[in-house]
């Protein structure tokens, strides 16, 4: 059963969303807030021909768990935000504030158990999930799907370098110059003042302050401090974050933390769907193939939530 809702009603940036409820809501049920990856995204987190958030919501609701998904603020108000103050956009205004509002909405819904509201972050949303919890989300537990404890700038450089190795020689030379320029910009960010960072574009419409603000709140710090239950999931064919650099680093950071559980899925990509090409340069082709999030993934998430 799906209900249309609004996140942040009465605020400057109200967002449309959907609350997926189990068919039987006779008692208070657990619930999950879904938090998007990078870039503007709709409530289904539509990527190519795929809708991973819709798949997860449909799957979890069959297991007795409510799921709240909503349009990302930059999807609906991106132009307005950039026009108002382009250098001021950060993950706080782009993602964190709305995820906290979503948690509050669920906790005030009489059909939801307010002590059993979880966050599921995908990709950048997974990186931010422990911070969102600490800054006001106050969730019962944290689910990180295809996230990373590294700095966002490091991940972007890794993705570009992986792409470089898969290009023809002539394109490699052009791309290598671009990567060198990007590295120089990222290196300069640490020494910038807040005002300087808000003035300098890194690429596209993204300013240095976006990265500087995020670097001041390392994902690993929040994760190492939390005592809440944490579930970290990744596909071993994910070419946007890696098993060696990201999943293994999560394991290293959490080696002495019994509250953290891990699972790596053979053959699944960044969207937790079957990998077809397995190379970063083919990601657009791969995501154009209509697929569904593996049922094993949302079944494992449901089992973990219901066991808490």
Foldseek 3Di string as FASTA:
>chain_A
DKDWDWQPVPDPQIWIKIKQAAPDLVAAFAEEEEFEADDWAAQQRAAAQERANVQLQVLLSPLGYIYMTTGWRCNPCVVVVCVVQLLPDACCVGTLVRLLSVLVVQLPDRSHPNLRYEYEYAENGLLCFLVSCVVRSVHLEYERANYFLDQPLVLVLLLLVLVLVVDPPVVNVVSVVVSVLLVVVLVCLVVDDLVVQSVADSDDSHTSNRRVVQVVPGSLVSVLPDLHAYEYEYECLESSDHCVRGVVVSCVSCVPHPSYHYDYHYQAYSSQWGADPSGSVCVSVRSNDYDYRDSVVSVVVSVVSVVD
